[in-house]
């Protein structure tokens, strides 16, 4: 963003050297805001800080992006202790779960199909 603002300032001074500082400030501010890629930032600067000059607008934009980047959630990293699973993980055995009600239900469904 700083490079963009510096380049814009240099180009404007070279193209219109006879402009007054007030004219230059307003035009630079408008061109700076129009050229920003972040639409939320453009809207924020136009609605909240339209009365600021070029330098203060650049500072507000810089601060906005710093805060926005600080608010992004950090990606959590996950580490696995080992790549191999123990054989008892995700295994249902008759000793851990009473399967009789499920077996009775399946037998009833099977009996209904045969009729």
Protein backbone atom coordinates (compact mmCIF):
# COMPACT_ATOMS: atom_id res chain seq x y z
CA UNK A 1 0.00 0.00 0.00
CA UNK A 2 2.86 2.36 0.80
CA UNK A 3 4.50 1.69 -2.56
CA UNK A 4 1.21 2.41 -4.30
CA UNK A 5 0.79 5.71 -2.45
CA UNK A 6 4.39 6.76 -3.18
CA UNK A 7 4.09 5.89 -6.87
CA UNK A 8 0.81 7.73 -7.13
CA UNK A 9 2.31 10.82 -5.51
CA UNK A 10 5.36 10.80 -7.83
CA UNK A 11 3.26 10.30 -10.95
CA UNK A 12 0.86 13.06 -9.98
CA UNK A 13 3.68 15.51 -9.31
CA UNK A 14 5.29 14.70 -12.66
CA UNK A 15 2.04 14.92 -14.62
CA UNK A 16 0.59 18.04 -12.98
CA UNK A 17 3.41 20.09 -11.49
CA UNK A 18 1.42 23.33 -11.49
CA UNK A 19 -1.43 22.11 -9.27
CA UNK A 20 -1.82 23.73 -5.89
CA UNK A 21 -1.31 21.60 -2.81
CA UNK A 22 -5.05 21.63 -2.06
CA UNK A 23 -5.94 20.43 -5.56
CA UNK A 24 -3.22 17.82 -5.47
CA UNK A 25 -4.32 16.57 -2.05
CA UNK A 26 -7.97 16.06 -3.06
CA UNK A 27 -7.11 14.41 -6.38
CA UNK A 28 -4.52 12.12 -4.83
CA UNK A 29 -6.91 11.08 -2.08
CA UNK A 30 -9.64 10.21 -4.60
CA UNK A 31 -7.26 8.32 -6.89
CA UNK A 32 -5.75 6.45 -3.95
CA UNK A 33 -9.14 5.29 -2.67
CA UNK A 34 -10.34 4.38 -6.18
CA UNK A 35 -7.27 2.26 -6.80
CA UNK A 36 -7.50 0.13 -3.67
CA UNK A 37 -8.29 -3.56 -4.22
CA UNK A 38 -10.12 -4.11 -0.92
CA UNK A 39 -13.67 -2.90 -1.50
CA UNK A 40 -14.42 -2.80 2.24
CA UNK A 41 -11.49 -0.45 2.71
CA UNK A 42 -12.67 1.78 -0.14
CA UNK A 43 -16.12 2.01 1.40
CA UNK A 44 -14.69 2.66 4.88
CA UNK A 45 -12.48 5.50 3.65
CA UNK A 46 -15.22 7.08 1.55
CA UNK A 47 -17.84 6.96 4.30
CA UNK A 48 -15.78 7.62 7.41
CA UNK A 49 -12.79 9.67 6.26
CA UNK A 50 -13.76 11.58 3.14
CA UNK A 51 -12.71 14.87 4.74
CA UNK A 52 -9.09 13.81 5.39
CA UNK A 53 -6.23 14.67 3.11
CA UNK A 54 -4.08 12.24 1.14
CA UNK A 55 -1.48 11.57 3.85
CA UNK A 56 -4.05 10.97 6.58
CA UNK A 57 -6.13 8.77 4.27
CA UNK A 58 -3.07 6.61 3.55
CA UNK A 59 -2.41 6.34 7.29
CA UNK A 60 -6.04 5.35 7.97
CA UNK A 61 -5.86 2.72 5.21
CA UNK A 62 -2.61 1.35 6.62
CA UNK A 63 -4.10 1.14 10.12
CA UNK A 64 -7.28 -0.53 8.81
CA UNK A 65 -5.26 -3.25 7.09
CA UNK A 66 -3.08 -3.80 10.17
CA UNK A 67 -6.15 -4.30 12.34
CA UNK A 68 -7.84 -6.52 9.77
CA UNK A 69 -4.76 -8.74 9.50
CA UNK A 70 -4.47 -8.99 13.28
CA UNK A 71 -8.09 -10.17 13.55
CA UNK A 72 -7.67 -13.11 11.18
CA UNK A 73 -7.88 -16.39 13.06
CA UNK A 74 -4.69 -18.35 13.22
CA UNK A 75 -4.74 -21.78 11.66
CA UNK A 76 -4.48 -24.49 14.24
CA UNK A 77 -1.83 -27.07 13.71
CA UNK A 78 -2.56 -30.71 14.39
CA UNK A 79 0.12 -33.22 15.30
CA UNK A 80 -0.37 -36.94 15.36
CA UNK A 81 1.51 -38.97 17.91
CA UNK A 82 1.89 -41.87 15.50
CA UNK A 83 0.66 -42.77 12.06
CA UNK A 84 -0.43 -46.27 13.05
CA UNK A 85 -3.71 -46.94 14.78
CA UNK A 86 -4.18 -49.44 17.49
CA UNK A 87 -6.28 -52.42 16.34
CA UNK A 88 -8.98 -51.78 18.95
CA UNK A 89 -9.79 -48.26 17.75
CA UNK A 90 -13.19 -47.96 16.03
CA UNK A 91 -13.97 -51.65 16.58
CA UNK A 92 -17.27 -52.68 18.12
CA UNK A 93 -17.18 -55.99 19.90
CA UNK A 94 -19.98 -57.84 21.65
CA UNK A 95 -18.20 -57.27 24.93
CA UNK A 96 -18.43 -53.46 24.61
CA UNK A 97 -21.93 -53.07 23.15
CA UNK A 98 -25.11 -55.07 23.62
CA UNK A 99 -25.99 -56.00 20.04
CA UNK A 100 -29.06 -58.13 20.87
CA UNK A 101 -31.66 -55.33 20.32
CA UNK A 102 -30.13 -54.54 16.93
CA UNK A 103 -30.09 -58.23 15.97
CA UNK A 104 -33.77 -58.59 16.99
CA UNK A 105 -34.72 -55.56 14.87
CA UNK A 106 -32.86 -56.96 11.85
CA UNK A 107 -34.56 -60.33 12.29
CA UNK A 108 -37.97 -58.62 12.33
CA UNK A 109 -37.13 -56.72 9.12
CA UNK A 110 -35.89 -59.93 7.48
CA UNK A 111 -39.08 -61.74 8.55
CA UNK A 112 -41.21 -58.98 6.98
CA UNK A 113 -39.46 -59.38 3.61
CA UNK A 114 -39.94 -63.10 3.44
CA UNK A 115 -43.71 -62.81 3.94
